[in-house]
Protein backbone atom coordinates (compact mmCIF):
# COMPACT_ATOMS: atom_id res chain seq x y z
CA MET A 1 0.00 0.00 0.00
CA LYS A 2 2.89 2.25 0.76
CA ASN A 3 3.95 2.28 -2.88
CA LYS A 4 0.45 2.70 -4.37
CA GLY A 5 0.89 6.42 -4.99
CA LEU A 6 4.37 5.91 -6.44
CA LEU A 7 3.13 3.23 -8.84
CA ARG A 8 0.31 5.49 -9.98
CA LEU A 9 2.76 8.32 -10.57
CA PHE A 10 5.47 6.50 -12.47
CA GLY A 11 3.33 3.90 -14.25
CA GLY A 12 0.78 6.45 -15.32
CA THR A 13 3.45 8.92 -16.41
CA ILE A 14 4.96 6.35 -18.76
CA CYS A 15 1.53 5.76 -20.35
CA ILE A 16 0.79 9.41 -20.94
CA ILE A 17 4.26 10.11 -22.33
CA ILE A 18 3.88 7.22 -24.80
CA LEU A 19 0.57 8.68 -25.93
CA ILE A 20 2.10 12.14 -26.30
CA LEU A 21 5.02 10.84 -28.35
CA LEU A 22 2.68 8.83 -30.59
CA LEU A 23 0.65 11.98 -31.16
CA LEU A 24 3.77 13.96 -31.98
CA SER A 25 5.11 11.34 -34.36
CA PHE A 26 2.08 11.91 -36.57
CA SER A 27 1.34 15.59 -35.96
CA VAL A 28 4.90 16.86 -36.33
CA GLU A 29 5.34 15.02 -39.62
CA ALA A 30 2.16 16.59 -40.96
CA ALA A 31 3.11 20.06 -39.79
CA SER A 32 6.74 19.98 -40.93
CA PRO A 33 7.78 20.93 -44.46
CA LYS A 34 8.61 17.93 -46.65
CA GLU A 35 11.44 19.46 -48.65
CA ALA A 36 14.99 19.98 -47.35
CA PRO A 37 15.88 23.57 -46.43
CA ARG A 38 17.23 25.59 -49.31
CA LYS A 39 20.37 27.66 -49.18
CA GLY A 40 19.90 30.70 -46.97
CA GLU A 41 16.76 29.35 -45.28
CA VAL A 42 18.40 27.91 -42.17
CA ILE A 43 17.91 30.12 -39.10
CA GLN A 44 20.66 29.81 -36.48
CA TRP A 45 19.91 31.01 -32.95
CA ARG A 46 22.41 31.19 -30.13
CA GLY A 47 21.66 32.06 -26.52
CA GLN A 48 22.58 31.00 -23.00
CA SER A 49 21.56 28.12 -20.78
CA ASP A 50 21.55 28.88 -17.07
CA PHE A 51 22.61 25.29 -16.42
CA SER A 52 25.92 23.57 -16.89
CA LYS A 53 26.62 21.24 -19.79
CA SER A 54 29.39 19.57 -17.80
CA LEU A 55 27.29 16.74 -16.40
CA SER A 56 28.56 13.23 -15.71
CA PRO A 57 26.47 10.24 -16.81
CA PHE A 58 25.27 7.86 -14.11
CA GLY A 59 23.46 4.56 -14.08
CA PRO A 60 22.13 3.72 -17.54
CA PHE A 61 21.84 7.37 -18.61
CA LYS A 62 24.08 8.90 -21.24
CA LEU A 63 25.70 12.32 -21.13
CA GLY A 64 23.37 14.93 -22.57
CA ARG A 65 20.19 13.15 -21.50
CA ILE A 66 20.43 13.79 -17.77
CA GLY A 67 19.60 16.78 -15.63
CA VAL A 68 18.25 20.14 -16.72
CA TYR A 69 20.51 20.56 -19.73
CA GLY A 70 19.60 17.09 -20.96
CA GLN A 71 15.94 18.08 -20.92
CA THR A 72 16.77 21.22 -22.85
CA GLN A 73 18.66 19.22 -25.47
CA PHE A 74 15.58 17.00 -25.82
CA MET A 75 13.58 20.11 -26.74
CA LEU A 76 16.25 21.52 -29.08
CA ASP A 77 16.58 18.24 -30.95
CA TRP A 78 12.82 18.15 -31.38
CA ILE A 79 12.71 21.73 -32.74
CA THR A 80 15.46 20.99 -35.27
CA LYS A 81 13.75 17.81 -36.43
CA ALA A 82 10.22 19.26 -36.48
CA THR A 83 11.35 22.23 -38.61
CA ASN A 84 13.27 19.93 -40.97
CA GLY A 85 16.54 21.58 -39.93
CA ARG A 86 15.38 25.12 -40.72
CA LEU A 87 15.72 26.33 -37.11
CA LYS A 88 18.87 25.35 -35.24
CA ILE A 89 19.59 26.45 -31.68
CA ASP A 90 22.70 26.27 -29.57
CA PHE A 91 23.33 27.47 -26.03
CA GLU A 92 26.42 28.81 -24.35
CA THR A 93 26.83 27.25 -20.94
CA VAL A 94 25.90 29.01 -17.70
CA GLY A 95 27.74 32.31 -17.09
CA SER A 96 29.39 32.40 -20.52
CA ILE A 97 27.52 35.55 -21.52
CA ASN A 98 25.97 36.80 -18.28
CA PRO A 99 25.09 35.65 -14.75
CA PRO A 100 21.87 33.61 -14.53
CA GLY A 101 20.06 36.44 -12.77
CA GLU A 102 20.39 38.60 -15.92
CA THR A 103 19.21 36.07 -18.51
CA PHE A 104 15.53 37.00 -18.28
CA ASP A 105 16.32 40.65 -19.08
CA MET A 106 18.74 39.72 -21.88
CA VAL A 107 15.98 37.80 -23.68
CA ARG A 108 13.31 40.41 -22.90
CA ARG A 109 15.51 43.15 -24.41
CA GLY A 110 16.48 41.00 -27.40
CA VAL A 111 20.21 40.91 -26.67
CA TYR A 112 19.99 37.28 -27.78
CA PRO A 113 16.87 35.50 -29.04
CA ILE A 114 16.62 32.46 -26.79
CA ALA A 115 17.63 31.09 -23.37
CA ASN A 116 17.16 28.12 -21.08
CA SER A 117 16.38 29.17 -17.52
CA THR A 118 14.11 28.71 -14.51
CA GLY A 119 11.81 31.03 -12.57
CA PRO A 120 13.72 31.35 -9.27
CA PHE A 121 16.49 33.24 -11.09
CA TYR A 122 14.11 36.16 -11.75
CA THR A 123 11.11 35.75 -9.46
CA GLY A 124 11.62 39.30 -8.16
CA LYS A 125 10.90 40.60 -11.67
CA MET A 126 8.07 38.18 -12.40
CA PRO A 127 6.22 36.89 -9.31
CA GLU A 128 4.17 34.42 -11.39
CA THR A 129 7.24 32.16 -11.47
CA ASP A 130 6.41 31.04 -7.90
CA ILE A 131 3.51 29.17 -9.47
CA GLU A 132 5.25 28.18 -12.70
CA VAL A 133 8.18 26.52 -10.95
CA GLY A 134 5.93 24.22 -8.94
CA LEU A 135 3.50 25.67 -6.42
CA LEU A 136 3.70 23.67 -3.20
CA PHE A 137 1.23 20.75 -3.00
CA ALA A 138 -0.71 21.98 -6.03
CA PHE A 139 -0.21 18.83 -8.09
CA ARG A 140 0.33 15.23 -7.08
CA ASP A 141 1.79 14.18 -10.42
CA LEU A 142 2.04 15.00 -14.12
CA PHE A 143 -1.61 14.08 -14.62
CA ASP A 144 -2.73 16.84 -12.27
CA LEU A 145 -0.30 19.29 -13.86
CA TRP A 146 -1.45 18.46 -17.41
CA ASP A 147 -5.10 18.73 -16.40
CA CYS A 148 -4.65 22.13 -14.77
CA TYR A 149 -2.52 23.47 -17.63
CA PHE A 150 -4.78 22.52 -20.51
CA ASN A 151 -8.25 21.87 -19.06
CA TYR A 152 -8.37 24.63 -16.44
CA GLY A 153 -6.41 27.35 -18.25
CA LEU A 154 -3.20 27.63 -16.22
CA TYR A 155 -1.00 27.32 -19.32
CA GLU A 156 -2.66 30.29 -21.03
CA GLU A 157 -2.34 32.44 -17.90
CA LEU A 158 1.39 31.78 -17.69
CA LYS A 159 1.86 32.30 -21.41
CA ARG A 160 0.15 35.71 -21.20
CA ALA A 161 2.26 36.65 -18.17
CA TYR A 162 5.47 36.07 -20.14
CA ALA A 163 4.10 37.83 -23.22
CA GLU A 164 3.68 40.96 -21.13
CA HIS A 165 7.47 40.87 -20.70
CA LYS A 166 7.94 40.38 -24.47
CA ILE A 167 8.86 36.73 -24.03
CA TYR A 168 7.48 33.64 -25.74
CA TRP A 169 7.56 30.90 -23.11
CA ILE A 170 7.92 27.13 -23.47
CA PRO A 171 7.63 25.07 -20.27
CA VAL A 172 10.07 22.17 -19.85
CA HIS A 173 8.97 20.10 -16.87
CA ALA A 174 11.53 18.40 -14.68
CA ALA A 175 8.65 16.95 -12.65
CA SER A 176 11.30 16.00 -10.14
CA THR A 177 10.34 14.19 -6.95
CA VAL A 178 10.77 17.03 -4.44
CA ASN A 179 10.51 16.95 -0.66
CA ILE A 180 12.58 16.84 2.51
CA GLY A 181 15.72 14.79 3.10
CA ALA A 182 17.33 14.63 6.55
CA THR A 183 19.65 12.92 8.98
CA LEU A 184 16.67 12.15 11.23
CA PRO A 185 13.59 9.94 10.71
CA LEU A 186 10.80 11.54 8.68
CA ASP A 187 7.96 9.06 9.08
CA THR A 188 5.61 11.91 10.06
CA PRO A 189 5.69 15.69 9.46
CA GLN A 190 5.83 16.23 13.24
CA ARG A 191 9.42 15.00 13.25
CA LEU A 192 10.51 18.32 11.72
CA LYS A 193 9.52 20.55 14.62
CA GLY A 194 12.49 22.54 15.85
CA LYS A 195 14.88 21.18 13.22
CA LYS A 196 17.14 23.25 10.96
CA ILE A 197 16.31 22.61 7.31
CA ARG A 198 18.02 24.17 4.30
CA ALA A 199 15.14 25.61 2.25
CA LEU A 200 14.72 28.74 0.13
CA GLY A 201 11.74 30.85 -0.98
CA GLN A 202 8.34 29.17 -0.70
CA PHE A 203 10.12 25.97 0.38
CA GLY A 204 11.39 27.88 3.41
CA ASP A 205 7.80 28.89 4.16
CA TYR A 206 6.83 25.23 3.82
CA VAL A 207 9.25 23.91 6.44
CA ALA A 208 8.45 26.86 8.70
CA ALA A 209 4.76 25.88 8.54
CA LEU A 210 5.82 22.43 9.76
CA GLY A 211 7.61 23.96 12.75
CA ALA A 212 11.17 23.74 11.39
CA THR A 213 13.66 26.58 10.99
CA PRO A 214 14.52 27.36 7.35
CA VAL A 215 18.24 27.92 6.79
CA ASN A 216 19.71 29.68 3.76
CA ILE A 217 23.15 28.30 2.93
CA PRO A 218 24.78 27.80 -0.49
CA LEU A 219 24.19 24.50 -2.25
CA ALA A 220 27.88 23.64 -2.03
CA GLU A 221 27.77 23.82 1.78
CA VAL A 222 24.86 21.40 2.30
CA TYR A 223 27.04 18.25 2.36
CA MET A 224 29.28 19.45 5.19
CA GLY A 225 26.32 21.06 6.93
CA LEU A 226 24.64 17.65 7.14
CA LYS A 227 27.85 15.91 8.12
CA LEU A 228 28.67 18.38 10.91
CA GLY A 229 25.10 18.86 12.11
CA THR A 230 24.92 22.54 11.18
CA ILE A 231 21.70 21.61 9.43
CA GLU A 232 19.58 18.50 9.85
CA GLY A 233 17.92 18.42 6.47
CA PHE A 234 17.09 20.08 3.18
CA VAL A 235 14.32 20.47 0.60
CA SER A 236 15.34 19.38 -2.89
CA GLY A 237 14.67 17.05 -5.76
CA VAL A 238 15.64 13.47 -5.03
CA GLN A 239 18.24 13.56 -7.83
CA PHE A 240 20.45 15.78 -5.65
CA LEU A 241 21.10 12.76 -3.45
CA HIS A 242 23.32 11.43 -6.21
CA SER A 243 24.50 14.52 -8.09
CA GLN A 244 25.64 16.29 -4.89
CA LYS A 245 26.60 13.06 -3.07
CA TRP A 246 24.12 13.86 -0.31
CA ASP A 247 23.20 10.17 -0.17
CA GLU A 248 26.48 9.72 1.73
CA VAL A 249 25.27 11.90 4.61
CA THR A 250 21.46 11.62 4.30
CA LYS A 251 19.62 8.77 5.99
CA TYR A 252 15.97 9.60 5.26
CA PHE A 253 13.91 11.19 2.47
CA VAL A 254 10.18 11.84 2.04
CA LEU A 255 9.26 10.35 -1.33
CA ASN A 256 5.48 10.68 -1.10
CA PRO A 257 3.97 13.15 -1.35
CA SER A 258 6.17 15.14 -3.71
CA CYS A 259 5.71 18.67 -2.44
CA SER A 260 6.39 20.28 -5.81
CA LEU A 261 6.74 19.46 -9.52
CA TRP A 262 9.72 21.52 -10.56
CA SER A 263 9.62 23.18 -13.99
CA ASN A 264 12.27 24.87 -16.07
CA ASN A 265 11.71 26.70 -19.35
CA ILE A 266 12.90 27.97 -22.69
CA LEU A 267 12.50 31.72 -23.16
CA ILE A 268 12.30 33.28 -26.63
CA ASN A 269 12.27 36.98 -27.36
CA LEU A 270 8.74 37.67 -28.63
CA ASP A 271 9.90 39.81 -31.58
CA ALA A 272 12.33 37.06 -32.61
CA PHE A 273 9.55 34.47 -32.41
CA ASN A 274 7.17 36.63 -34.47
CA ALA A 275 9.90 37.09 -37.11
CA LEU A 276 10.09 33.32 -37.71
CA PRO A 277 8.34 31.91 -40.80
CA LYS A 278 4.67 31.33 -40.00
CA ASP A 279 4.84 27.57 -40.39
CA ILE A 280 7.70 27.33 -37.88
CA GLN A 281 5.75 29.52 -35.44
CA GLN A 282 2.80 27.15 -35.86
CA ILE A 283 4.91 24.03 -35.21
CA ILE A 284 6.34 25.48 -32.00
CA ASP A 285 3.05 26.98 -30.83
CA GLN A 286 0.98 23.84 -31.37
CA TYR A 287 3.36 21.13 -30.19
CA ALA A 288 6.15 22.50 -27.97
CA PRO A 289 4.05 22.58 -24.76
CA TYR A 290 3.40 18.85 -25.12
CA VAL A 291 7.03 18.07 -25.89
CA GLY A 292 7.82 19.88 -22.65
CA PHE A 293 5.80 17.22 -20.84
CA ALA A 294 7.43 14.40 -22.81
CA ALA A 295 10.85 15.62 -21.69
CA ALA A 296 9.87 14.86 -18.10
CA TYR A 297 9.97 11.12 -18.83
CA ASP A 298 13.78 10.89 -18.75
CA TRP A 299 13.90 12.84 -15.50
CA ARG A 300 11.44 10.50 -13.80
CA GLN A 301 13.42 7.46 -14.89
CA GLN A 302 16.58 9.05 -13.50
CA ASP A 303 14.81 9.68 -10.20
CA GLN A 304 13.93 5.99 -10.01
CA TRP A 305 17.56 5.01 -10.55
CA VAL A 306 18.72 7.48 -7.87
CA ILE A 307 16.19 6.13 -5.36
CA LYS A 308 17.20 2.51 -5.85
CA ASN A 309 20.91 3.36 -5.83
CA ALA A 310 20.56 5.37 -2.58
CA GLU A 311 18.71 2.47 -0.95
CA LYS A 312 21.16 -0.19 -2.11
CA GLN A 313 24.48 1.63 -1.76
CA PHE A 314 23.86 3.90 1.21
CA GLY A 315 20.85 2.53 3.06
CA VAL A 316 18.74 5.67 2.63
CA LYS A 317 15.17 5.07 3.86
CA PHE A 318 12.33 6.57 1.83
CA TYR A 319 9.01 7.46 3.43
CA THR A 320 5.42 7.77 2.29
CA TRP A 321 3.38 9.98 4.59
CA SER A 322 -0.10 8.77 5.46
CA GLU A 323 -3.09 10.12 3.56
CA GLU A 324 -4.19 11.90 6.73
CA ASP A 325 -0.80 13.58 7.20
CA THR A 326 -0.70 14.56 3.53
CA ARG A 327 -4.13 16.19 3.79
CA LYS A 328 -3.10 18.06 6.95
CA VAL A 329 0.10 19.36 5.39
CA THR A 330 -1.72 20.32 2.18
CA LYS A 331 -4.25 22.30 4.22
CA LEU A 332 -1.46 23.96 6.21
CA VAL A 333 0.38 25.03 3.05
CA THR A 334 -2.72 26.26 1.21
CA GLU A 335 -3.75 28.35 4.22
CA GLN A 336 -0.36 29.70 5.32
CA VAL A 337 1.95 29.74 2.27
CA TRP A 338 -0.34 30.24 -0.71
CA PRO A 339 -1.83 33.57 0.49
CA LYS A 340 1.67 35.10 0.48
CA ILE A 341 2.18 34.03 -3.12
CA ALA A 342 -1.31 35.13 -4.17
CA ALA A 343 -0.67 38.60 -2.73
CA LYS A 344 2.31 39.18 -5.05
CA SER A 345 0.20 39.95 -8.12
CA PRO A 346 -3.42 39.85 -9.35
CA ARG A 347 -2.50 37.12 -11.81
CA ASN A 348 -0.98 35.03 -9.01
CA ALA A 349 -4.25 35.30 -7.11
CA ARG A 350 -6.17 34.31 -10.24
CA MET A 351 -3.94 31.31 -10.95
CA ILE A 352 -4.18 30.06 -7.39
CA GLU A 353 -7.97 30.18 -7.67
CA ILE A 354 -7.68 28.09 -10.86
CA ILE A 355 -5.59 25.51 -8.99
CA LYS A 356 -7.97 25.49 -6.04
CA ARG A 357 -10.90 24.89 -8.37
CA GLN A 358 -9.16 21.88 -9.86
CA MET A 359 -8.25 20.53 -6.41
CA ARG A 360 -11.86 20.88 -5.22
CA ASP A 361 -13.11 19.10 -8.34
CA HIS A 362 -10.79 16.20 -7.50
CA GLY A 363 -11.68 16.18 -3.79
CA ARG A 364 -8.23 17.21 -2.56
CA ILE A 365 -9.43 20.27 -0.66
CA GLU A 366 -12.86 21.42 0.51
């Protein structure tokens, strides 16, 4: 019973991704031009990714198909193929052109046409990213996220928010399993009271609502913080257990529920997008949002490998909170954390009402 939610999440995700890819295999072929690009027709875009290309493969996963940059490459390969090679995109690695905090403005101003980034780098300039990146306890899995995006209108709200900043936005969902890891047992949320947990932004508000003390330390200091007892836990995606070697100093991790479905994105200057040939605009506009969901498949498979490796090699114990505890924590977050996010902008308030409506329809809140 403990793994029922996990089986629903991963098994169901595989099914929906297969359906998406089958759809794309037919639709993209129909939408793409049949002839090879003629001389002078190839459009070459270069921008910056706010994530490193220097990733090491692990488990069965090859370099270039893991982590955030691997997801981005998935999208870039699709764009090149779908446009029959007429639009080619390459990214400089993080910091090559500018610090990550400046990327949003560089695209908005048209300094370069395209970038790969994520909302937390510029949430002060665009508060809607608190919802884009994965509003706490809003979605249990990719099914909920898909439903709210395309059946309840969340996708269109976010798209309009970016357009107001002269940016064409493509979501690329990590859908990472995110929650709390610690050096202490986490079988119930009550275990966190009085503990020091590394957590930033709304994730800091989350652990504070559970009675813990949020601590802001750099990512690179988390390992020694756990080892020395400076902190007793952290909020992150499960993949960090392997990529940052936290599985060496972490004994426990909350696997279910996932408190957030992390999303990254591709940002395109709106004038640059509108200058593309109309058929290329149509290909991207009609299909890219769905490819963004398909890209999450690799990430989920990587998460599964990390979980099993952490259990086998390091004895990390993974927890599933009870349905009662999950409902209590969801209520706590929606009542204490969400109002702060809703107050940041009228659109935030509107989007949170959209999410609440979906949750009520599915019986997750009253």
